[in-house]
PDB file of N, CA and C in Angstrom:
ATOM      1  N   MET A   1       3.448  -0.022  -8.960  1.00  0.00           N
ATOM      2  CA  MET A   1       2.535   0.588  -8.012  1.00  0.00           C
ATOM      3  C   MET A   1       2.910   2.038  -7.806  1.00  0.00           C
ATOM      4  N   ALA A   2       1.943   2.810  -7.457  1.00  0.00           N
ATOM      5  CA  ALA A   2       2.156   4.236  -7.298  1.00  0.00           C
ATOM      6  C   ALA A   2       3.020   4.565  -6.083  1.00  0.00           C
ATOM      7  N   CYS A   3       2.974   3.755  -5.066  1.00  0.00           N
ATOM      8  CA  CYS A   3       3.661   4.084  -3.820  1.00  0.00           C
ATOM      9  C   CYS A   3       4.917   3.263  -3.602  1.00  0.00           C
ATOM     10  N   GLN A   4       5.539   2.779  -4.652  1.00  0.00           N
ATOM     11  CA  GLN A   4       6.709   1.929  -4.524  1.00  0.00           C
ATOM     12  C   GLN A   4       7.837   2.591  -3.751  1.00  0.00           C
ATOM     13  N   ASP A   5       7.997   3.888  -3.903  1.00  0.00           N
ATOM     14  CA  ASP A   5       9.120   4.576  -3.279  1.00  0.00           C
ATOM     15  C   ASP A   5       8.827   5.028  -1.857  1.00  0.00           C
ATOM     16  N   VAL A   6       7.634   4.781  -1.376  1.00  0.00           N
ATOM     17  CA  VAL A   6       7.259   5.213  -0.036  1.00  0.00           C
ATOM     18  C   VAL A   6       8.022   4.385   0.989  1.00  0.00           C
ATOM     19  N   LYS A   7       8.658   5.053   1.922  1.00  0.00           N
ATOM     20  CA  LYS A   7       9.354   4.359   3.005  1.00  0.00           C
ATOM     21  C   LYS A   7       8.368   4.241   4.165  1.00  0.00           C
ATOM     22  N   THR A   8       7.920   3.035   4.402  1.00  0.00           N
ATOM     23  CA  THR A   8       6.906   2.787   5.403  1.00  0.00           C
ATOM     24  C   THR A   8       7.461   1.862   6.465  1.00  0.00           C
ATOM     25  N   ARG A   9       7.128   2.141   7.703  1.00  0.00           N
ATOM     26  CA  ARG A   9       7.449   1.208   8.780  1.00  0.00           C
ATOM     27  C   ARG A   9       6.283   0.246   8.872  1.00  0.00           C
ATOM     28  N   PHE A  10       6.549  -1.012   8.655  1.00  0.00           N
ATOM     29  CA  PHE A  10       5.494  -2.006   8.668  1.00  0.00           C
ATOM     30  C   PHE A  10       5.375  -2.636  10.050  1.00  0.00           C
ATOM     31  N   PRO A  11       4.138  -2.850  10.512  1.00  0.00           N
ATOM     32  CA  PRO A  11       3.934  -3.448  11.834  1.00  0.00           C
ATOM     33  C   PRO A  11       4.620  -4.801  12.005  1.00  0.00           C
ATOM     34  N   SER A  12       4.783  -5.573  10.936  1.00  0.00           N
ATOM     35  CA  SER A  12       5.396  -6.892  11.066  1.00  0.00           C
ATOM     36  C   SER A  12       6.869  -6.813  11.459  1.00  0.00           C
ATOM     37  N   GLU A  13       7.491  -5.643  11.312  1.00  0.00           N
ATOM     38  CA  GLU A  13       8.885  -5.493  11.709  1.00  0.00           C
ATOM     39  C   GLU A  13       9.046  -5.661  13.218  1.00  0.00           C
ATOM     40  N   ASN A  14       7.962  -5.470  13.958  1.00  0.00           N
ATOM     41  CA  ASN A  14       8.015  -5.553  15.414  1.00  0.00           C
ATOM     42  C   ASN A  14       7.492  -6.880  15.954  1.00  0.00           C
ATOM     43  N   LEU A  15       7.187  -7.833  15.082  1.00  0.00           N
ATOM     44  CA  LEU A  15       6.707  -9.129  15.554  1.00  0.00           C
ATOM     45  C   LEU A  15       7.841  -9.859  16.255  1.00  0.00           C
ATOM     46  N   ASP A  16       7.515 -10.490  17.343  1.00  0.00           N
ATOM     47  CA  ASP A  16       8.508 -11.312  18.022  1.00  0.00           C
ATOM     48  C   ASP A  16       7.930 -12.706  18.244  1.00  0.00           C
ATOM     49  N   SER A  17       8.710 -13.546  18.858  1.00  0.00           N
ATOM     50  CA  SER A  17       8.264 -14.930  19.039  1.00  0.00           C
ATOM     51  C   SER A  17       7.089 -15.057  19.997  1.00  0.00           C
ATOM     52  N   ASN A  18       6.805 -14.030  20.771  1.00  0.00           N
ATOM     53  CA  ASN A  18       5.690 -14.074  21.715  1.00  0.00           C
ATOM     54  C   ASN A  18       4.373 -13.637  21.080  1.00  0.00           C
ATOM     55  N   TYR A  19       4.410 -13.232  19.809  1.00  0.00           N
ATOM     56  CA  TYR A  19       3.190 -12.780  19.133  1.00  0.00           C
ATOM     57  C   TYR A  19       2.202 -13.931  19.046  1.00  0.00           C
ATOM     58  N   ARG A  20       0.986 -13.679  19.485  1.00  0.00           N
ATOM     59  CA  ARG A  20      -0.066 -14.695  19.415  1.00  0.00           C
ATOM     60  C   ARG A  20      -0.740 -14.573  18.070  1.00  0.00           C
ATOM     61  N   HIS A  21      -0.553 -15.545  17.244  1.00  0.00           N
ATOM     62  CA  HIS A  21      -1.031 -15.500  15.871  1.00  0.00           C
ATOM     63  C   HIS A  21      -2.544 -15.676  15.808  1.00  0.00           C
ATOM     64  N   ASP A  22      -3.196 -14.665  15.327  1.00  0.00           N
ATOM     65  CA  ASP A  22      -4.636 -14.716  15.095  1.00  0.00           C
ATOM     66  C   ASP A  22      -4.828 -14.933  13.596  1.00  0.00           C
ATOM     67  N   PRO A  23      -5.544 -15.965  13.193  1.00  0.00           N
ATOM     68  CA  PRO A  23      -5.718 -16.237  11.759  1.00  0.00           C
ATOM     69  C   PRO A  23      -6.322 -15.062  10.997  1.00  0.00           C
ATOM     70  N   ARG A  24      -7.070 -14.209  11.674  1.00  0.00           N
ATOM     71  CA  ARG A  24      -7.685 -13.060  10.989  1.00  0.00           C
ATOM     72  C   ARG A  24      -6.662 -11.987  10.645  1.00  0.00           C
ATOM     73  N   ASP A  25      -5.455 -12.066  11.211  1.00  0.00           N
ATOM     74  CA  ASP A  25      -4.404 -11.091  10.922  1.00  0.00           C
ATOM     75  C   ASP A  25      -3.666 -11.386   9.623  1.00  0.00           C
ATOM     76  N   TRP A  26      -3.978 -12.494   8.970  1.00  0.00           N
ATOM     77  CA  TRP A  26      -3.243 -12.921   7.798  1.00  0.00           C
ATOM     78  C   TRP A  26      -4.158 -13.022   6.589  1.00  0.00           C
ATOM     79  N   ALA A  27      -3.639 -12.699   5.430  1.00  0.00           N
ATOM     80  CA  ALA A  27      -4.396 -12.789   4.174  1.00  0.00           C
ATOM     81  C   ALA A  27      -3.604 -13.617   3.179  1.00  0.00           C
ATOM     82  N   ASP A  28      -4.318 -14.372   2.366  1.00  0.00           N
ATOM     83  CA  ASP A  28      -3.651 -15.084   1.287  1.00  0.00           C
ATOM     84  C   ASP A  28      -3.461 -14.117   0.124  1.00  0.00           C
ATOM     85  N   THR A  29      -2.884 -14.592  -0.955  1.00  0.00           N
ATOM     86  CA  THR A  29      -2.589 -13.723  -2.094  1.00  0.00           C
ATOM     87  C   THR A  29      -3.854 -13.087  -2.669  1.00  0.00           C
ATOM     88  N   THR A  30      -4.922 -13.863  -2.767  1.00  0.00           N
ATOM     89  CA  THR A  30      -6.169 -13.331  -3.317  1.00  0.00           C
ATOM     90  C   THR A  30      -6.723 -12.220  -2.431  1.00  0.00           C
ATOM     91  N   GLY A  31      -6.723 -12.437  -1.123  1.00  0.00           N
ATOM     92  CA  GLY A  31      -7.226 -11.417  -0.194  1.00  0.00           C
ATOM     93  C   GLY A  31      -6.368 -10.163  -0.197  1.00  0.00           C
ATOM     94  N   ALA A  32      -5.044 -10.351  -0.239  1.00  0.00           N
ATOM     95  CA  ALA A  32      -4.136  -9.204  -0.265  1.00  0.00           C
ATOM     96  C   ALA A  32      -4.299  -8.408  -1.561  1.00  0.00           C
ATOM     97  N   ALA A  33      -4.421  -9.112  -2.678  1.00  0.00           N
ATOM     98  CA  ALA A  33      -4.583  -8.436  -3.967  1.00  0.00           C
ATOM     99  C   ALA A  33      -5.889  -7.652  -3.992  1.00  0.00           C
ATOM    100  N   GLU A  34      -6.941  -8.229  -3.465  1.00  0.00           N
ATOM    101  CA  GLU A  34      -8.224  -7.532  -3.420  1.00  0.00           C
ATOM    102  C   GLU A  34      -8.122  -6.284  -2.549  1.00  0.00           C
ATOM    103  N   PHE A  35      -7.453  -6.383  -1.414  1.00  0.00           N
ATOM    104  CA  PHE A  35      -7.289  -5.252  -0.507  1.00  0.00           C
ATOM    105  C   PHE A  35      -6.491  -4.131  -1.166  1.00  0.00           C
ATOM    106  N   LEU A  36      -5.494  -4.502  -1.991  1.00  0.00           N
ATOM    107  CA  LEU A  36      -4.651  -3.511  -2.665  1.00  0.00           C
ATOM    108  C   LEU A  36      -5.186  -3.095  -4.033  1.00  0.00           C
ATOM    109  N   SER A  37      -6.348  -3.609  -4.410  1.00  0.00           N
ATOM    110  CA  SER A  37      -6.972  -3.314  -5.707  1.00  0.00           C
ATOM    111  C   SER A  37      -6.076  -3.755  -6.873  1.00  0.00           C
ATOM    112  N   LEU A  38      -5.503  -4.929  -6.738  1.00  0.00           N
ATOM    113  CA  LEU A  38      -4.681  -5.528  -7.784  1.00  0.00           C
ATOM    114  C   LEU A  38      -5.262  -6.885  -8.135  1.00  0.00           C
ATOM    115  N   SER A  39      -4.842  -7.414  -9.252  1.00  0.00           N
ATOM    116  CA  SER A  39      -5.219  -8.799  -9.549  1.00  0.00           C
ATOM    117  C   SER A  39      -4.212  -9.700  -8.834  1.00  0.00           C
ATOM    118  N   PRO A  40      -4.635 -10.900  -8.459  1.00  0.00           N
ATOM    119  CA  PRO A  40      -3.685 -11.823  -7.825  1.00  0.00           C
ATOM    120  C   PRO A  40      -2.468 -12.109  -8.711  1.00  0.00           C
ATOM    121  N   ALA A  41      -2.664 -12.181 -10.023  1.00  0.00           N
ATOM    122  CA  ALA A  41      -1.547 -12.434 -10.937  1.00  0.00           C
ATOM    123  C   ALA A  41      -0.527 -11.297 -10.897  1.00  0.00           C
ATOM    124  N   THR A  42      -1.004 -10.055 -10.814  1.00  0.00           N
ATOM    125  CA  THR A  42      -0.098  -8.906 -10.735  1.00  0.00           C
ATOM    126  C   THR A  42       0.722  -8.963  -9.458  1.00  0.00           C
ATOM    127  N   LEU A  43       0.071  -9.260  -8.342  1.00  0.00           N
ATOM    128  CA  LEU A  43       0.779  -9.346  -7.069  1.00  0.00           C
ATOM    129  C   LEU A  43       1.807 -10.476  -7.095  1.00  0.00           C
ATOM    130  N   GLN A  44       1.456 -11.603  -7.658  1.00  0.00           N
ATOM    131  CA  GLN A  44       2.397 -12.722  -7.765  1.00  0.00           C
ATOM    132  C   GLN A  44       3.594 -12.358  -8.643  1.00  0.00           C
ATOM    133  N   THR A  45       3.335 -11.666  -9.737  1.00  0.00           N
ATOM    134  CA  THR A  45       4.419 -11.249 -10.632  1.00  0.00           C
ATOM    135  C   THR A  45       5.352 -10.274  -9.929  1.00  0.00           C
ATOM    136  N   GLN A  46       4.790  -9.314  -9.201  1.00  0.00           N
ATOM    137  CA  GLN A  46       5.621  -8.351  -8.470  1.00  0.00           C
ATOM    138  C   GLN A  46       6.501  -9.067  -7.452  1.00  0.00           C
ATOM    139  N   ARG A  47       5.926 -10.028  -6.766  1.00  0.00           N
ATOM    140  CA  ARG A  47       6.705 -10.772  -5.770  1.00  0.00           C
ATOM    141  C   ARG A  47       7.825 -11.568  -6.417  1.00  0.00           C
ATOM    142  N   SER A  48       7.539 -12.223  -7.526  1.00  0.00           N
ATOM    143  CA  SER A  48       8.562 -13.054  -8.169  1.00  0.00           C
ATOM    144  C   SER A  48       9.710 -12.213  -8.726  1.00  0.00           C
ATOM    145  N   ARG A  49       9.431 -10.951  -9.037  1.00  0.00           N
ATOM    146  CA  ARG A  49      10.466 -10.044  -9.558  1.00  0.00           C
ATOM    147  C   ARG A  49      11.116  -9.211  -8.461  1.00  0.00           C
ATOM    148  N   GLY A  50      10.702  -9.414  -7.219  1.00  0.00           N
ATOM    149  CA  GLY A  50      11.268  -8.648  -6.106  1.00  0.00           C
ATOM    150  C   GLY A  50      10.733  -7.239  -6.021  1.00  0.00           C
ATOM    151  N   LEU A  51       9.553  -6.978  -6.563  1.00  0.00           N
ATOM    152  CA  LEU A  51       8.978  -5.635  -6.594  1.00  0.00           C
ATOM    153  C   LEU A  51       7.767  -5.485  -5.679  1.00  0.00           C
ATOM    154  N   SER A  52       7.558  -6.432  -4.800  1.00  0.00           N
ATOM    155  CA  SER A  52       6.384  -6.370  -3.931  1.00  0.00           C
ATOM    156  C   SER A  52       6.442  -5.130  -3.048  1.00  0.00           C
ATOM    157  N   PRO A  53       5.374  -4.347  -3.018  1.00  0.00           N
ATOM    158  CA  PRO A  53       5.375  -3.125  -2.215  1.00  0.00           C
ATOM    159  C   PRO A  53       5.230  -3.397  -0.729  1.00  0.00           C
ATOM    160  N   VAL A  54       4.770  -4.584  -0.367  1.00  0.00           N
ATOM    161  CA  VAL A  54       4.490  -4.929   1.021  1.00  0.00           C
ATOM    162  C   VAL A  54       5.259  -6.205   1.369  1.00  0.00           C
ATOM    163  N   PRO A  55       5.890  -6.247   2.547  1.00  0.00           N
ATOM    164  CA  PRO A  55       6.564  -7.483   2.919  1.00  0.00           C
ATOM    165  C   PRO A  55       5.554  -8.619   3.070  1.00  0.00           C
ATOM    166  N   TYR A  56       5.990  -9.823   2.783  1.00  0.00           N
ATOM    167  CA  TYR A  56       5.111 -10.980   2.898  1.00  0.00           C
ATOM    168  C   TYR A  56       5.887 -12.123   3.541  1.00  0.00           C
ATOM    169  N   PHE A  57       5.162 -13.118   3.956  1.00  0.00           N
ATOM    170  CA  PHE A  57       5.755 -14.262   4.640  1.00  0.00           C
ATOM    171  C   PHE A  57       5.469 -15.524   3.845  1.00  0.00           C
ATOM    172  N   VAL A  58       6.412 -16.439   3.847  1.00  0.00           N
ATOM    173  CA  VAL A  58       6.191 -17.750   3.268  1.00  0.00           C
ATOM    174  C   VAL A  58       6.201 -18.722   4.450  1.00  0.00           C
ATOM    175  N   ILE A  59       5.034 -19.292   4.716  1.00  0.00           N
ATOM    176  CA  ILE A  59       4.862 -20.200   5.839  1.00  0.00           C
ATOM    177  C   ILE A  59       4.411 -21.541   5.278  1.00  0.00           C
ATOM    178  N   SER A  60       5.237 -22.544   5.414  1.00  0.00           N
ATOM    179  CA  SER A  60       4.939 -23.880   4.877  1.00  0.00           C
ATOM    180  C   SER A  60       4.575 -23.820   3.392  1.00  0.00           C
ATOM    181  N   ARG A  61       5.377 -23.123   2.627  1.00  0.00           N
ATOM    182  CA  ARG A  61       5.201 -22.947   1.175  1.00  0.00           C
ATOM    183  C   ARG A  61       3.949 -22.167   0.803  1.00  0.00           C
ATOM    184  N   ARG A  62       3.316 -21.542   1.762  1.00  0.00           N
ATOM    185  CA  ARG A  62       2.141 -20.712   1.478  1.00  0.00           C
ATOM    186  C   ARG A  62       2.500 -19.258   1.733  1.00  0.00           C
ATOM    187  N   VAL A  63       2.141 -18.402   0.797  1.00  0.00           N
ATOM    188  CA  VAL A  63       2.438 -16.982   0.927  1.00  0.00           C
ATOM    189  C   VAL A  63       1.309 -16.327   1.723  1.00  0.00           C
ATOM    190  N   ARG A  64       1.694 -15.578   2.757  1.00  0.00           N
ATOM    191  CA  ARG A  64       0.714 -14.890   3.591  1.00  0.00           C
ATOM    192  C   ARG A  64       1.159 -13.447   3.792  1.00  0.00           C
ATOM    193  N   ASP A  65       0.169 -12.562   3.845  1.00  0.00           N
ATOM    194  CA  ASP A  65       0.420 -11.149   4.117  1.00  0.00           C
ATOM    195  C   ASP A  65      -0.161 -10.810   5.480  1.00  0.00           C
ATOM    196  N   PHE A  66       0.564  -9.997   6.222  1.00  0.00           N
ATOM    197  CA  PHE A  66       0.112  -9.529   7.522  1.00  0.00           C
ATOM    198  C   PHE A  66      -0.811  -8.337   7.263  1.00  0.00           C
ATOM    199  N   ARG A  67      -2.082  -8.464   7.623  1.00  0.00           N
ATOM    200  CA  ARG A  67      -3.067  -7.423   7.300  1.00  0.00           C
ATOM    201  C   ARG A  67      -2.674  -6.027   7.796  1.00  0.00           C
ATOM    202  N   PRO A  68      -2.109  -5.885   9.002  1.00  0.00           N
ATOM    203  CA  PRO A  68      -1.673  -4.535   9.402  1.00  0.00           C
ATOM    204  C   PRO A  68      -0.618  -3.942   8.464  1.00  0.00           C
ATOM    205  N   ASP A  69       0.222  -4.787   7.827  1.00  0.00           N
ATOM    206  CA  ASP A  69       1.180  -4.278   6.837  1.00  0.00           C
ATOM    207  C   ASP A  69       0.453  -3.734   5.612  1.00  0.00           C
ATOM    208  N   LEU A  70      -0.582  -4.450   5.177  1.00  0.00           N
ATOM    209  CA  LEU A  70      -1.366  -3.987   4.027  1.00  0.00           C
ATOM    210  C   LEU A  70      -2.018  -2.642   4.335  1.00  0.00           C
ATOM    211  N   SER A  71      -2.557  -2.511   5.541  1.00  0.00           N
ATOM    212  CA  SER A  71      -3.199  -1.249   5.941  1.00  0.00           C
ATOM    213  C   SER A  71      -2.183  -0.110   6.021  1.00  0.00           C
ATOM    214  N   ALA A  72      -1.001  -0.409   6.564  1.00  0.00           N
ATOM    215  CA  ALA A  72       0.044   0.623   6.661  1.00  0.00           C
ATOM    216  C   ALA A  72       0.459   1.101   5.276  1.00  0.00           C
ATOM    217  N   TYR A  73       0.562   0.184   4.330  1.00  0.00           N
ATOM    218  CA  TYR A  73       0.932   0.558   2.966  1.00  0.00           C
ATOM    219  C   TYR A  73      -0.140   1.443   2.332  1.00  0.00           C
ATOM    220  N   ARG A  74      -1.404   1.076   2.513  1.00  0.00           N
ATOM    221  CA  ARG A  74      -2.479   1.897   1.941  1.00  0.00           C
ATOM    222  C   ARG A  74      -2.508   3.285   2.572  1.00  0.00           C
ATOM    223  N   ARG A  75      -2.274   3.370   3.880  1.00  0.00           N
ATOM    224  CA  ARG A  75      -2.235   4.693   4.525  1.00  0.00           C
ATOM    225  C   ARG A  75      -1.090   5.524   3.971  1.00  0.00           C
ATOM    226  N   ALA A  76       0.056   4.882   3.711  1.00  0.00           N
ATOM    227  CA  ALA A  76       1.217   5.603   3.177  1.00  0.00           C
ATOM    228  C   ALA A  76       0.963   6.114   1.764  1.00  0.00           C
ATOM    229  N   CYS A  77       0.078   5.452   1.040  1.00  0.00           N
ATOM    230  CA  CYS A  77      -0.221   5.848  -0.341  1.00  0.00           C
ATOM    231  C   CYS A  77      -1.286   6.933  -0.438  1.00  0.00           C
ATOM    232  N   ARG A  78      -1.902   7.255   0.666  1.00  0.00           N
ATOM    233  CA  ARG A  78      -2.989   8.239   0.629  1.00  0.00           C
ATOM    234  C   ARG A  78      -2.456   9.601   0.212  1.00  0.00           C
ATOM    235  N   VAL A  79      -3.154  10.229  -0.683  1.00  0.00           N
ATOM    236  CA  VAL A  79      -2.793  11.562  -1.155  1.00  0.00           C
ATOM    237  C   VAL A  79      -3.730  12.556  -0.491  1.00  0.00           C
ATOM    238  N   LYS A  80      -3.144  13.542   0.158  1.00  0.00           N
ATOM    239  CA  LYS A  80      -3.959  14.551   0.827  1.00  0.00           C
ATOM    240  C   LYS A  80      -4.336  15.625  -0.182  1.00  0.00           C
ATOM    241  N   PRO A  81      -5.592  16.105  -0.143  1.00  0.00           N
ATOM    242  CA  PRO A  81      -5.996  17.136  -1.098  1.00  0.00           C
ATOM    243  C   PRO A  81      -5.209  18.433  -0.877  1.00  0.00           C
ATOM    244  N   ALA A  82      -5.034  19.151  -1.949  1.00  0.00           N
ATOM    245  CA  ALA A  82      -4.291  20.416  -1.872  1.00  0.00           C
ATOM    246  C   ALA A  82      -5.053  21.412  -1.010  1.00  0.00           C
ATOM    247  N   GLN A  83      -4.320  22.254  -0.333  1.00  0.00           N
ATOM    248  CA  GLN A  83      -4.938  23.256   0.535  1.00  0.00           C
ATOM    249  C   GLN A  83      -5.533  24.404  -0.279  1.00  0.00           C
ATOM    250  N   ALA A  84      -4.874  24.782  -1.345  1.00  0.00           N
ATOM    251  CA  ALA A  84      -5.350  25.890  -2.173  1.00  0.00           C
ATOM    252  C   ALA A  84      -6.141  25.347  -3.360  1.00  0.00           C
ATOM    253  N   VAL A  85      -7.072  26.136  -3.821  1.00  0.00           N
ATOM    254  CA  VAL A  85      -7.858  25.758  -4.988  1.00  0.00           C
ATOM    255  C   VAL A  85      -7.103  26.222  -6.225  1.00  0.00           C
ATOM    256  N   TYR A  86      -6.950  25.321  -7.192  1.00  0.00           N
ATOM    257  CA  TYR A  86      -6.227  25.646  -8.410  1.00  0.00           C
ATOM    258  C   TYR A  86      -7.072  26.570  -9.277  1.00  0.00           C
ATOM    259  N   GLU A  87      -6.445  27.611  -9.780  1.00  0.00           N
ATOM    260  CA  GLU A  87      -7.124  28.521 -10.697  1.00  0.00           C
ATOM    261  C   GLU A  87      -6.311  28.576 -11.981  1.00  0.00           C
ATOM    262  N   HIS A  88      -6.975  28.371 -13.101  1.00  0.00           N
ATOM    263  CA  HIS A  88      -6.295  28.367 -14.385  1.00  0.00           C
ATOM    264  C   HIS A  88      -5.627  29.714 -14.617  1.00  0.00           C
ATOM    265  N   PRO A  89      -4.393  29.757 -15.145  1.00  0.00           N
ATOM    266  CA  PRO A  89      -3.655  31.013 -15.339  1.00  0.00           C
ATOM    267  C   PRO A  89      -4.410  32.035 -16.183  1.00  0.00           C
ATOM    268  N   SER A  90      -5.186  31.603 -17.169  1.00  0.00           N
ATOM    269  CA  SER A  90      -5.891  32.574 -17.996  1.00  0.00           C
ATOM    270  C   SER A  90      -6.981  33.304 -17.175  1.00  0.00           C
ATOM    271  N   LYS A  91      -7.608  32.610 -16.263  1.00  0.00           N
ATOM    272  CA  LYS A  91      -8.615  33.252 -15.407  1.00  0.00           C
ATOM    273  C   LYS A  91      -7.961  34.197 -14.416  1.00  0.00           C
ATOM    274  N   ALA A  92      -6.783  33.818 -13.910  1.00  0.00           N
ATOM    275  CA  ALA A  92      -6.072  34.681 -12.976  1.00  0.00           C
ATOM    276  C   ALA A  92      -5.641  35.960 -13.668  1.00  0.00           C
ATOM    277  N   ALA A  93      -5.194  35.870 -14.933  1.00  0.00           N
ATOM    278  CA  ALA A  93      -4.758  37.060 -15.678  1.00  0.00           C
ATOM    279  C   ALA A  93      -5.934  37.985 -15.935  1.00  0.00           C
ATOM    280  N   LYS A  94      -7.105  37.432 -16.261  1.00  0.00           N
ATOM    281  CA  LYS A  94      -8.292  38.268 -16.477  1.00  0.00           C
ATOM    282  C   LYS A  94      -8.737  38.955 -15.202  1.00  0.00           C
ATOM    283  N   ALA A  95      -8.645  38.264 -14.088  1.00  0.00           N
ATOM    284  CA  ALA A  95      -9.060  38.837 -12.807  1.00  0.00           C
ATOM    285  C   ALA A  95      -8.127  39.970 -12.391  1.00  0.00           C
ATOM    286  N   SER A  96      -6.818  39.834 -12.653  1.00  0.00           N
ATOM    287  CA  SER A  96      -5.861  40.859 -12.253  1.00  0.00           C
ATOM    288  C   SER A  96      -5.914  42.087 -13.179  1.00  0.00           C
ATOM    289  N   SER A  97      -6.406  41.925 -14.416  1.00  0.00           N
ATOM    290  CA  SER A  97      -6.468  43.055 -15.333  1.00  0.00           C
ATOM    291  C   SER A  97      -7.704  43.912 -15.117  1.00  0.00           C
ATOM    292  N   LYS A  98      -8.637  43.453 -14.337  1.00  0.00           N
ATOM    293  CA  LYS A  98      -9.865  44.256 -14.093  1.00  0.00           C
ATOM    294  C   LYS A  98      -9.646  45.354 -13.121  1.00  0.00           C
TER     295      LYS A  98
END
């Protein structure tokens, strides 16, 4: 994944025993893969190799992702457009010689 090295604080790090579990806050592997624009097989392979970009939970032998963690990861991967407009060096040289 492109954002593997991103250090992100995931919302699930702050979950405590008083958290009221809403089923809509959780995604299965297929839903998580779709949200991350990956195939489910790719996500499963990354997890089995310890390369998962997002923390996940195993609850009763079922893998679940906390949707706010998925959103935090996608926000961390966002690339902001450059402030300056790129100009090819050959055009810059022609402009400066005039």
